[in-house]
Amino acid sequence: MKYCSECGESVERGVPPGDNRERHICPACGTIHYHNPRIIAGCLPVYGDRVLLCRRAIEPRLGYWTLPAGFMENGESTEDAARRETLEEACTEVEIHSLYTLTSIMHVNQVQMIYLAKMPSPDYGPSEESLEVALFSEEEIPWDELAFETIRNVLRLYFEDRKQQKFPLRHVEIDNNRFNTARVHD
């Protein structure tokens, strides 16, 4: 950040009084500009024994498979964001059952919330954001063509948990300094 969004003056970096982190501060108007993690909300849509995946029509990772998910908008709940993203990317409605994974992706300042959801019918299709949408059994998952490690983690956990038919909330932390290190908490 170079300029204050309040007054247009150049900002400086410093630790504001009473804070413990360096922030962008405007010396002209005193505005402190906080940059906090972004929330990604999405669904793991299930129909029968299959899960719904979307082949990305946008960057990053164009052409790779993912779960329907994206950034929350202001004024919506995480569940509403997950439903909206699923409708936007897979042209399908879902019934959300529970929050399934909460992943802190520290090296990119994101928090990903994936809800376990049921598809009431097998009606789905591609959109402007998806080249292709399909239902996959566990054996059919294109593991080498998944867009993100976080999606791989969600799918692995789901297929493990499905064996016991218990789907606890999973907390996962991914830190780039310890690449491929994920701590999973039940």
Protein backbone atom coordinates (compact mmCIF):
# COMPACT_ATOMS: atom_id res chain seq x y z
CA MET A 1 0.00 0.00 0.00
CA LYS A 2 1.39 3.37 -0.99
CA TYR A 3 -1.43 5.85 -0.47
CA CYS A 4 -4.16 6.37 2.11
CA SER A 5 -7.62 5.44 0.85
CA GLU A 6 -9.11 8.10 3.14
CA CYS A 7 -7.11 11.21 2.16
CA GLY A 8 -4.72 10.17 -0.64
CA GLU A 9 -1.48 10.98 1.21
CA SER A 10 1.49 8.61 1.27
CA VAL A 11 1.37 6.01 4.06
CA GLU A 12 4.18 4.81 6.31
CA ARG A 13 4.70 1.48 8.03
CA GLY A 14 4.81 1.39 11.81
CA VAL A 15 3.34 -0.16 14.94
CA PRO A 16 0.35 1.92 16.12
CA PRO A 17 0.06 2.68 19.85
CA GLY A 18 -1.55 -0.26 21.67
CA ASP A 19 -0.89 -2.65 18.77
CA ASN A 20 1.80 -5.28 18.33
CA ARG A 21 2.03 -5.51 14.52
CA GLU A 22 3.36 -3.27 11.84
CA ARG A 23 0.57 -1.58 9.85
CA HIS A 24 0.19 1.02 7.11
CA ILE A 25 -0.43 4.35 8.86
CA CYS A 26 -1.31 7.69 7.28
CA PRO A 27 0.71 10.43 8.98
CA ALA A 28 -1.62 13.08 7.51
CA CYS A 29 -5.04 11.89 8.75
CA GLY A 30 -4.01 9.19 11.25
CA THR A 31 -5.93 6.35 9.55
CA ILE A 32 -4.55 2.90 10.35
CA HIS A 33 -5.03 0.51 7.43
CA TYR A 34 -5.52 -3.07 8.60
CA HIS A 35 -4.95 -5.95 6.21
CA ASN A 36 -6.58 -9.08 7.54
CA PRO A 37 -7.10 -12.58 6.18
CA ARG A 38 -9.66 -13.14 3.46
CA ILE A 39 -12.42 -15.73 3.94
CA ILE A 40 -13.03 -18.38 1.29
CA ALA A 41 -16.30 -20.28 1.62
CA GLY A 42 -17.38 -23.31 -0.33
CA CYS A 43 -19.04 -26.69 -0.34
CA LEU A 44 -18.20 -30.32 -0.64
CA PRO A 45 -21.40 -31.24 -2.52
CA VAL A 46 -22.37 -34.90 -2.22
CA TYR A 47 -24.91 -36.80 -4.31
CA GLY A 48 -25.22 -40.45 -3.31
CA ASP A 49 -21.67 -41.79 -3.04
CA ARG A 50 -20.19 -39.15 -5.36
CA VAL A 51 -18.77 -35.67 -4.88
CA LEU A 52 -19.14 -32.73 -7.25
CA LEU A 53 -16.03 -31.08 -8.66
CA CYS A 54 -15.60 -28.14 -11.03
CA ARG A 55 -12.85 -27.72 -13.64
CA ARG A 56 -11.69 -24.10 -13.29
CA ALA A 57 -12.30 -21.72 -16.21
CA ILE A 58 -10.38 -18.94 -14.46
CA GLU A 59 -6.94 -18.37 -13.00
CA PRO A 60 -5.36 -19.32 -10.76
CA ARG A 61 -5.01 -22.96 -11.78
CA LEU A 62 -7.08 -22.74 -14.96
CA GLY A 63 -8.14 -26.21 -16.14
CA TYR A 64 -7.65 -27.91 -12.77
CA TRP A 65 -10.42 -29.47 -10.65
CA THR A 66 -11.68 -27.99 -7.40
CA LEU A 67 -14.65 -27.84 -5.08
CA PRO A 68 -17.01 -24.90 -5.65
CA ALA A 69 -15.65 -22.13 -3.43
CA GLY A 70 -14.64 -18.50 -3.50
CA PHE A 71 -14.24 -15.27 -1.57
CA MET A 72 -17.06 -14.12 0.69
CA GLU A 73 -18.82 -10.91 -0.18
CA ASN A 74 -19.65 -8.22 2.37
CA GLY A 75 -23.10 -8.64 3.87
CA GLU A 76 -23.37 -12.42 3.54
CA SER A 77 -22.91 -15.27 5.99
CA THR A 78 -20.35 -18.00 5.39
CA GLU A 79 -23.16 -20.47 4.60
CA ASP A 80 -24.75 -18.02 2.15
CA ALA A 81 -21.35 -17.51 0.49
CA ALA A 82 -20.85 -21.28 0.18
CA ARG A 83 -24.30 -21.71 -1.39
CA ARG A 84 -23.75 -18.76 -3.75
CA GLU A 85 -20.36 -20.02 -4.90
CA THR A 86 -21.81 -23.49 -5.54
CA LEU A 87 -24.64 -22.01 -7.59
CA GLU A 88 -22.25 -19.70 -9.48
CA GLU A 89 -19.65 -22.37 -10.27
CA ALA A 90 -21.73 -25.55 -10.58
CA CYS A 91 -25.25 -24.27 -11.32
CA THR A 92 -26.68 -26.37 -8.52
CA GLU A 93 -28.52 -25.84 -5.26
CA VAL A 94 -27.28 -27.59 -2.11
CA GLU A 95 -28.52 -28.30 1.40
CA ILE A 96 -25.75 -27.45 3.84
CA HIS A 97 -25.32 -29.93 6.68
CA SER A 98 -22.36 -28.64 8.67
CA LEU A 99 -19.04 -26.86 8.56
CA TYR A 100 -16.58 -29.62 7.70
CA THR A 101 -13.11 -28.08 7.34
CA LEU A 102 -11.67 -24.84 8.62
CA THR A 103 -8.25 -24.27 7.07
CA SER A 104 -5.83 -21.49 7.99
CA ILE A 105 -3.62 -20.89 4.96
CA MET A 106 -1.12 -18.64 6.67
CA HIS A 107 1.32 -17.97 3.82
CA VAL A 108 -1.44 -16.36 1.69
CA ASN A 109 -3.48 -14.83 4.53
CA GLN A 110 -6.62 -16.84 3.83
CA VAL A 111 -9.11 -18.85 5.85
CA GLN A 112 -11.00 -21.51 3.92
CA MET A 113 -14.33 -22.80 5.23
CA ILE A 114 -15.76 -25.83 3.44
CA TYR A 115 -19.26 -27.02 4.29
CA LEU A 116 -20.47 -30.58 3.87
CA ALA A 117 -23.55 -30.30 1.65
CA LYS A 118 -26.09 -32.57 0.03
CA MET A 119 -27.29 -32.16 -3.54
CA PRO A 120 -31.04 -32.86 -3.59
CA SER A 121 -30.82 -33.78 -7.29
CA PRO A 122 -28.07 -34.49 -9.82
CA ASP A 123 -28.79 -31.24 -11.67
CA TYR A 124 -25.60 -29.27 -12.27
CA GLY A 125 -23.61 -27.72 -15.08
CA PRO A 126 -20.71 -25.50 -16.04
CA SER A 127 -20.78 -21.74 -15.76
CA GLU A 128 -18.54 -18.83 -16.74
CA GLU A 129 -16.21 -19.92 -13.92
CA SER A 130 -16.19 -23.66 -14.75
CA LEU A 131 -15.15 -25.43 -17.94
CA GLU A 132 -16.76 -28.64 -16.77
CA VAL A 133 -18.61 -29.97 -13.71
CA ALA A 134 -18.89 -33.64 -12.82
CA LEU A 135 -19.75 -36.10 -10.07
CA PHE A 136 -16.88 -38.39 -9.03
CA SER A 137 -16.69 -41.55 -6.95
CA GLU A 138 -13.64 -41.88 -4.72
CA GLU A 139 -11.91 -44.04 -7.33
CA GLU A 140 -12.57 -41.51 -10.10
CA ILE A 141 -11.17 -38.40 -8.37
CA PRO A 142 -8.52 -36.80 -10.65
CA TRP A 143 -6.01 -36.52 -7.76
CA ASP A 144 -3.16 -35.30 -10.00
CA GLU A 145 -5.37 -32.62 -11.53
CA LEU A 146 -6.66 -30.97 -8.34
CA ALA A 147 -6.12 -27.22 -8.25
CA PHE A 148 -5.13 -26.77 -4.60
CA GLU A 149 -3.59 -28.76 -1.76
CA THR A 150 -6.42 -27.62 0.49
CA ILE A 151 -8.97 -29.32 -1.78
CA ARG A 152 -6.88 -32.50 -1.79
CA ASN A 153 -6.89 -32.41 2.03
CA VAL A 154 -10.68 -31.93 2.22
CA LEU A 155 -11.32 -34.83 -0.16
CA ARG A 156 -8.90 -37.17 1.65
CA LEU A 157 -10.51 -36.37 5.00
CA TYR A 158 -14.00 -36.83 3.59
CA PHE A 159 -13.30 -40.27 2.14
CA GLU A 160 -11.60 -41.36 5.39
CA ASP A 161 -14.49 -40.07 7.52
CA ARG A 162 -17.10 -41.58 5.22
CA LYS A 163 -15.92 -45.06 6.21
CA GLN A 164 -17.13 -44.40 9.78
CA GLN A 165 -20.00 -42.12 8.70
CA LYS A 166 -18.70 -39.51 11.15
CA PHE A 167 -17.78 -36.07 9.87
CA PRO A 168 -16.23 -34.02 12.67
CA LEU A 169 -15.20 -30.43 12.15
CA ARG A 170 -11.57 -30.52 10.99
CA HIS A 171 -9.16 -27.68 11.76
CA VAL A 172 -6.17 -27.62 9.42
CA GLU A 173 -3.20 -25.26 9.47
CA ILE A 174 -0.92 -24.86 6.48
CA ASP A 175 2.24 -22.80 6.80
CA ASN A 176 4.45 -22.26 3.76
CA ASN A 177 7.51 -22.28 5.99
CA ARG A 178 6.70 -25.92 6.67
CA PHE A 179 5.42 -26.84 3.23
CA ASN A 180 3.07 -29.83 3.11
CA THR A 181 2.81 -29.70 6.88
CA ALA A 182 -0.79 -29.77 7.94
CA ARG A 183 -1.97 -30.18 11.49
CA VAL A 184 -5.39 -31.76 11.66
CA HIS A 185 -7.45 -31.39 14.83
CA ASP A 186 -10.68 -33.28 15.40
